[in-house]
């Protein structure tokens, strides 16, 4: 609210200025709508959240190929990326940039996620 308050104007004119921006070209470019997903994945790794989930929620005898944390985080990241139901996991499964941001070869499909739930 402070930013749009007309009484809180510092005299800057014009309002739209050109900040210092760097543009880089690469051979291959990818983009995803949930741009912060990679940072969230780094936080999960640094805090040991996946390990905690696997220890605290032992559902499987074998991880073939998914662990408990893979399932839980898959659903959480789906919500983070704007998904509102398990079926939206199919969109994530087919998004190469999304999978790359998570460092995942593949993620559980909606039916597998539903079975886990």
N, C-alpha and C. Protein backbone atom coordinates (compact mmCIF):
# COMPACT_ATOMS: atom_id res chain seq x y z
N UNK A 1 0.83 -1.19 0.00
CA UNK A 1 0.00 0.00 0.00
C UNK A 1 0.87 1.26 0.00
N UNK A 2 2.03 1.17 0.66
CA UNK A 2 2.92 2.33 0.73
C UNK A 2 3.42 2.73 -0.65
N UNK A 3 3.66 1.73 -1.49
CA UNK A 3 4.19 2.04 -2.83
C UNK A 3 3.18 2.76 -3.70
N UNK A 4 1.90 2.49 -3.51
CA UNK A 4 0.88 3.12 -4.36
C UNK A 4 0.25 4.35 -3.72
N UNK A 5 0.66 4.68 -2.48
CA UNK A 5 0.16 5.87 -1.80
C UNK A 5 0.66 7.13 -2.52
N UNK A 6 -0.25 7.96 -3.01
CA UNK A 6 0.12 9.17 -3.75
C UNK A 6 0.88 10.16 -2.90
N UNK A 7 0.69 10.11 -1.59
CA UNK A 7 1.42 11.01 -0.70
C UNK A 7 2.85 10.56 -0.44
N UNK A 8 3.17 9.37 -0.86
CA UNK A 8 4.50 8.80 -0.64
C UNK A 8 5.31 8.85 -1.93
N UNK A 9 5.46 10.02 -2.49
CA UNK A 9 6.18 10.18 -3.75
C UNK A 9 7.46 10.92 -3.48
N UNK A 10 8.58 10.37 -3.95
CA UNK A 10 9.88 10.98 -3.66
C UNK A 10 10.33 11.95 -4.74
N UNK A 11 9.46 12.28 -5.66
CA UNK A 11 9.81 13.23 -6.70
C UNK A 11 10.42 12.60 -7.94
N UNK A 12 10.53 11.28 -7.94
CA UNK A 12 11.13 10.59 -9.09
C UNK A 12 10.26 10.77 -10.32
N UNK A 13 10.89 11.17 -11.40
CA UNK A 13 10.19 11.28 -12.67
C UNK A 13 11.20 11.12 -13.78
N UNK A 14 11.00 10.30 -14.74
CA UNK A 14 9.86 9.41 -14.92
C UNK A 14 9.90 8.24 -13.94
N UNK A 15 8.77 7.60 -13.74
CA UNK A 15 8.68 6.44 -12.85
C UNK A 15 9.36 5.22 -13.44
N UNK A 16 9.14 5.00 -14.72
CA UNK A 16 9.71 3.83 -15.37
C UNK A 16 11.11 4.18 -15.86
N UNK A 17 12.09 3.67 -15.18
CA UNK A 17 13.47 3.92 -15.57
C UNK A 17 14.08 2.60 -16.03
N UNK A 18 15.19 2.69 -16.65
CA UNK A 18 15.84 1.49 -17.18
C UNK A 18 16.92 1.03 -16.20
N UNK A 19 16.63 -0.01 -15.42
CA UNK A 19 17.65 -0.51 -14.51
C UNK A 19 18.74 -1.24 -15.28
N UNK A 20 19.83 -1.50 -14.61
CA UNK A 20 20.90 -2.26 -15.24
C UNK A 20 20.46 -3.71 -15.40
N UNK A 21 20.38 -4.15 -16.61
CA UNK A 21 19.94 -5.51 -16.91
C UNK A 21 20.97 -6.16 -17.80
N UNK A 22 21.27 -7.42 -17.53
CA UNK A 22 22.20 -8.17 -18.38
C UNK A 22 21.42 -9.23 -19.14
N UNK A 23 21.70 -9.30 -20.39
CA UNK A 23 21.10 -10.34 -21.22
C UNK A 23 22.21 -11.26 -21.70
N UNK A 24 21.96 -12.53 -21.63
CA UNK A 24 22.94 -13.51 -22.10
C UNK A 24 22.28 -14.44 -23.09
N UNK A 25 23.04 -14.84 -24.07
CA UNK A 25 22.55 -15.79 -25.05
C UNK A 25 23.18 -17.15 -24.77
N UNK A 26 22.38 -18.18 -24.93
CA UNK A 26 22.87 -19.54 -24.73
C UNK A 26 22.38 -20.38 -25.89
N UNK A 27 23.02 -21.51 -26.07
CA UNK A 27 22.59 -22.41 -27.14
C UNK A 27 21.19 -22.94 -26.88
N UNK A 28 20.89 -23.21 -25.62
CA UNK A 28 19.60 -23.78 -25.28
C UNK A 28 19.00 -22.98 -24.14
N UNK A 29 17.77 -22.55 -24.30
CA UNK A 29 17.12 -21.76 -23.28
C UNK A 29 15.84 -22.46 -22.84
N UNK A 30 15.62 -22.47 -21.53
CA UNK A 30 14.40 -23.05 -20.99
C UNK A 30 13.80 -22.06 -20.00
N UNK A 31 12.50 -22.11 -19.88
CA UNK A 31 11.82 -21.26 -18.91
C UNK A 31 10.61 -21.99 -18.37
N UNK A 32 10.29 -21.70 -17.13
CA UNK A 32 9.10 -22.28 -16.52
C UNK A 32 8.36 -21.19 -15.78
N UNK A 33 7.06 -21.37 -15.64
CA UNK A 33 6.24 -20.37 -14.95
C UNK A 33 6.57 -20.34 -13.45
N UNK A 34 6.88 -21.49 -12.89
CA UNK A 34 7.21 -21.57 -11.46
C UNK A 34 8.72 -21.40 -11.30
N UNK A 35 9.20 -20.21 -11.57
CA UNK A 35 10.63 -19.96 -11.59
C UNK A 35 11.34 -20.21 -10.28
N UNK A 36 10.65 -20.14 -9.15
CA UNK A 36 11.29 -20.35 -7.86
C UNK A 36 11.40 -21.81 -7.47
N UNK A 37 10.95 -22.70 -8.32
CA UNK A 37 10.94 -24.13 -7.97
C UNK A 37 12.36 -24.67 -7.76
N UNK A 38 13.31 -24.18 -8.53
CA UNK A 38 14.69 -24.62 -8.35
C UNK A 38 15.25 -24.20 -7.00
N UNK A 39 14.91 -23.00 -6.56
CA UNK A 39 15.35 -22.52 -5.25
C UNK A 39 14.69 -23.34 -4.15
N UNK A 40 13.42 -23.66 -4.32
CA UNK A 40 12.72 -24.49 -3.34
C UNK A 40 13.38 -25.87 -3.25
N UNK A 41 13.77 -26.42 -4.38
CA UNK A 41 14.43 -27.73 -4.40
C UNK A 41 15.79 -27.64 -3.70
N UNK A 42 16.52 -26.56 -3.89
CA UNK A 42 17.79 -26.37 -3.20
C UNK A 42 17.59 -26.30 -1.69
N UNK A 43 16.54 -25.61 -1.27
CA UNK A 43 16.23 -25.52 0.15
C UNK A 43 15.92 -26.89 0.73
N UNK A 44 15.14 -27.68 0.01
CA UNK A 44 14.81 -29.04 0.44
C UNK A 44 16.09 -29.84 0.64
N UNK A 45 17.00 -29.72 -0.29
CA UNK A 45 18.26 -30.47 -0.20
C UNK A 45 19.12 -29.98 0.96
N UNK A 46 19.28 -28.67 1.07
CA UNK A 46 20.14 -28.11 2.11
C UNK A 46 19.62 -28.36 3.52
N UNK A 47 18.31 -28.39 3.68
CA UNK A 47 17.72 -28.61 5.00
C UNK A 47 17.52 -30.09 5.32
N UNK A 48 17.76 -30.95 4.34
CA UNK A 48 17.60 -32.39 4.57
C UNK A 48 16.15 -32.81 4.71
N UNK A 49 15.26 -32.08 4.07
CA UNK A 49 13.83 -32.36 4.18
C UNK A 49 13.48 -33.73 3.60
N UNK A 50 14.05 -34.07 2.46
CA UNK A 50 13.75 -35.36 1.84
C UNK A 50 14.16 -36.51 2.76
N UNK A 51 15.32 -36.41 3.36
CA UNK A 51 15.79 -37.43 4.29
C UNK A 51 14.85 -37.55 5.49
N UNK A 52 14.40 -36.42 6.00
CA UNK A 52 13.46 -36.42 7.13
C UNK A 52 12.14 -37.07 6.76
N UNK A 53 11.65 -36.78 5.56
CA UNK A 53 10.40 -37.41 5.10
C UNK A 53 10.58 -38.91 5.00
N UNK A 54 11.68 -39.35 4.39
CA UNK A 54 11.91 -40.78 4.23
C UNK A 54 12.04 -41.50 5.57
N UNK A 55 12.67 -40.86 6.54
CA UNK A 55 12.81 -41.46 7.88
C UNK A 55 11.49 -41.47 8.64
N UNK A 56 10.75 -40.39 8.52
CA UNK A 56 9.52 -40.24 9.30
C UNK A 56 8.29 -40.86 8.69
N UNK A 57 8.38 -41.29 7.45
CA UNK A 57 7.21 -41.83 6.74
C UNK A 57 7.61 -43.08 5.97
N UNK A 58 8.05 -44.14 6.68
CA UNK A 58 8.49 -45.35 5.96
C UNK A 58 7.30 -46.15 5.44
N UNK A 59 6.97 -45.92 4.19
CA UNK A 59 5.84 -46.61 3.56
C UNK A 59 6.32 -47.80 2.73
N UNK A 60 7.43 -47.62 2.02
CA UNK A 60 7.92 -48.64 1.09
C UNK A 60 9.02 -49.48 1.70
N UNK A 61 9.05 -50.76 1.30
CA UNK A 61 10.18 -51.61 1.66
C UNK A 61 11.34 -51.35 0.71
N UNK A 62 11.00 -51.04 -0.55
CA UNK A 62 12.00 -50.75 -1.58
C UNK A 62 11.59 -49.47 -2.30
N UNK A 63 12.57 -48.70 -2.71
CA UNK A 63 12.31 -47.49 -3.50
C UNK A 63 12.57 -47.82 -4.96
N UNK A 64 11.49 -48.13 -5.69
CA UNK A 64 11.63 -48.55 -7.08
C UNK A 64 10.68 -47.76 -7.97
N UNK A 65 11.02 -46.69 -8.56
CA UNK A 65 12.24 -45.92 -8.33
C UNK A 65 12.03 -44.80 -7.33
N UNK A 66 10.79 -44.57 -6.88
CA UNK A 66 10.50 -43.37 -6.08
C UNK A 66 10.55 -43.65 -4.58
N UNK A 67 11.08 -42.68 -3.85
CA UNK A 67 11.06 -42.75 -2.39
C UNK A 67 9.80 -42.04 -1.89
N UNK A 68 9.55 -42.14 -0.59
CA UNK A 68 8.41 -41.44 0.00
C UNK A 68 8.55 -39.93 -0.22
N UNK A 69 9.77 -39.42 -0.06
CA UNK A 69 9.99 -37.98 -0.27
C UNK A 69 9.70 -37.58 -1.71
N UNK A 70 10.01 -38.45 -2.66
CA UNK A 70 9.71 -38.14 -4.06
C UNK A 70 8.21 -37.90 -4.23
N UNK A 71 7.41 -38.74 -3.60
CA UNK A 71 5.95 -38.60 -3.72
C UNK A 71 5.45 -37.34 -3.01
N UNK A 72 5.88 -37.14 -1.78
CA UNK A 72 5.42 -35.99 -1.02
C UNK A 72 5.85 -34.69 -1.69
N UNK A 73 7.12 -34.60 -2.06
CA UNK A 73 7.62 -33.37 -2.69
C UNK A 73 7.02 -33.16 -4.08
N UNK A 74 6.76 -34.24 -4.80
CA UNK A 74 6.13 -34.13 -6.11
C UNK A 74 4.78 -33.43 -5.99
N UNK A 75 4.01 -33.81 -4.98
CA UNK A 75 2.70 -33.18 -4.78
C UNK A 75 2.87 -31.73 -4.32
N UNK A 76 3.80 -31.49 -3.40
CA UNK A 76 4.04 -30.13 -2.92
C UNK A 76 4.52 -29.22 -4.04
N UNK A 77 5.44 -29.70 -4.86
CA UNK A 77 5.95 -28.88 -5.96
C UNK A 77 4.87 -28.66 -7.02
N UNK A 78 3.99 -29.61 -7.20
CA UNK A 78 2.87 -29.43 -8.12
C UNK A 78 2.02 -28.24 -7.69
N UNK A 79 1.73 -28.15 -6.39
CA UNK A 79 0.97 -27.02 -5.86
C UNK A 79 1.77 -25.73 -6.05
N UNK A 80 3.06 -25.78 -5.75
CA UNK A 80 3.95 -24.63 -5.93
C UNK A 80 3.91 -24.12 -7.37
N UNK A 81 3.79 -25.04 -8.32
CA UNK A 81 3.79 -24.69 -9.74
C UNK A 81 2.40 -24.32 -10.26
N UNK A 82 1.43 -24.24 -9.36
CA UNK A 82 0.09 -23.82 -9.77
C UNK A 82 -0.90 -24.95 -9.96
N UNK A 83 -0.49 -26.18 -9.72
CA UNK A 83 -1.40 -27.31 -9.85
C UNK A 83 -2.43 -27.29 -8.74
N UNK A 84 -3.64 -27.70 -9.09
CA UNK A 84 -4.72 -27.73 -8.09
C UNK A 84 -5.26 -29.14 -7.86
N UNK A 85 -4.75 -30.10 -8.61
CA UNK A 85 -5.19 -31.48 -8.43
C UNK A 85 -4.08 -32.42 -8.91
N UNK A 86 -4.20 -33.68 -8.57
CA UNK A 86 -3.17 -34.65 -8.96
C UNK A 86 -3.04 -34.78 -10.47
N UNK A 87 -4.12 -34.56 -11.20
CA UNK A 87 -4.06 -34.67 -12.65
C UNK A 87 -3.09 -33.66 -13.26
N UNK A 88 -2.85 -32.56 -12.58
CA UNK A 88 -1.92 -31.56 -13.09
C UNK A 88 -0.48 -32.05 -13.06
N UNK A 89 -0.23 -33.14 -12.36
CA UNK A 89 1.11 -33.74 -12.37
C UNK A 89 1.49 -34.17 -13.78
N UNK A 90 0.50 -34.52 -14.58
CA UNK A 90 0.80 -34.94 -15.96
C UNK A 90 1.41 -33.79 -16.75
N UNK A 91 0.97 -32.56 -16.48
CA UNK A 91 1.57 -31.39 -17.14
C UNK A 91 3.03 -31.26 -16.72
N UNK A 92 3.31 -31.48 -15.45
CA UNK A 92 4.68 -31.36 -14.93
C UNK A 92 5.58 -32.47 -15.49
N UNK A 93 5.02 -33.66 -15.64
CA UNK A 93 5.79 -34.80 -16.15
C UNK A 93 6.29 -34.56 -17.56
N UNK A 94 5.55 -33.76 -18.31
CA UNK A 94 5.89 -33.51 -19.71
C UNK A 94 6.59 -32.18 -19.93
N UNK A 95 6.97 -31.51 -18.85
CA UNK A 95 7.64 -30.21 -18.94
C UNK A 95 9.13 -30.40 -18.65
N UNK A 96 9.92 -30.42 -19.72
CA UNK A 96 11.35 -30.68 -19.60
C UNK A 96 12.05 -29.65 -18.73
N UNK A 97 11.67 -28.39 -18.85
CA UNK A 97 12.30 -27.34 -18.05
C UNK A 97 11.98 -27.53 -16.56
N UNK A 98 10.76 -27.93 -16.25
CA UNK A 98 10.36 -28.19 -14.87
C UNK A 98 11.18 -29.34 -14.29
N UNK A 99 11.29 -30.42 -15.04
CA UNK A 99 12.07 -31.58 -14.57
C UNK A 99 13.54 -31.20 -14.39
N UNK A 100 14.08 -30.42 -15.31
CA UNK A 100 15.47 -29.97 -15.18
C UNK A 100 15.67 -29.10 -13.95
N UNK A 101 14.70 -28.24 -13.65
CA UNK A 101 14.80 -27.37 -12.48
C UNK A 101 14.82 -28.18 -11.18
N UNK A 102 14.15 -29.34 -11.20
CA UNK A 102 14.13 -30.21 -10.03
C UNK A 102 15.28 -31.21 -10.04
N UNK A 103 15.98 -31.29 -11.15
CA UNK A 103 17.05 -32.28 -11.26
C UNK A 103 16.50 -33.68 -11.33
N UNK A 104 15.31 -33.81 -11.90
CA UNK A 104 14.61 -35.11 -11.94
C UNK A 104 14.61 -35.69 -13.35
N UNK A 105 14.88 -36.97 -13.44
CA UNK A 105 14.75 -37.66 -14.72
C UNK A 105 13.28 -37.82 -15.06
N UNK A 106 12.49 -38.14 -14.03
CA UNK A 106 11.04 -38.26 -14.18
C UNK A 106 10.42 -38.11 -12.80
N UNK A 107 9.10 -37.88 -12.77
CA UNK A 107 8.36 -37.77 -11.52
C UNK A 107 7.16 -38.70 -11.59
N UNK A 108 6.60 -39.07 -10.43
CA UNK A 108 5.44 -39.98 -10.43
C UNK A 108 4.26 -39.40 -11.20
N UNK A 109 3.57 -40.27 -11.92
CA UNK A 109 2.38 -39.82 -12.66
C UNK A 109 1.21 -39.66 -11.70
N UNK A 110 0.12 -39.08 -12.16
CA UNK A 110 -1.02 -38.83 -11.27
C UNK A 110 -1.58 -40.08 -10.62
N UNK A 111 -1.66 -41.19 -11.35
CA UNK A 111 -2.22 -42.40 -10.75
C UNK A 111 -1.30 -42.98 -9.68
N UNK A 112 0.00 -42.94 -9.92
CA UNK A 112 0.96 -43.40 -8.92
C UNK A 112 0.91 -42.52 -7.68
N UNK A 113 0.80 -41.20 -7.90
CA UNK A 113 0.68 -40.27 -6.78
C UNK A 113 -0.60 -40.54 -6.00
N UNK A 114 -1.68 -40.82 -6.70
CA UNK A 114 -2.95 -41.15 -6.04
C UNK A 114 -2.84 -42.42 -5.23
N UNK A 115 -2.17 -43.43 -5.78
CA UNK A 115 -1.96 -44.68 -5.03
C UNK A 115 -1.16 -44.42 -3.77
N UNK A 116 -0.16 -43.56 -3.86
CA UNK A 116 0.65 -43.24 -2.69
C UNK A 116 -0.19 -42.57 -1.61
N UNK A 117 -1.06 -41.64 -2.05
CA UNK A 117 -1.92 -40.95 -1.08
C UNK A 117 -2.84 -41.93 -0.36
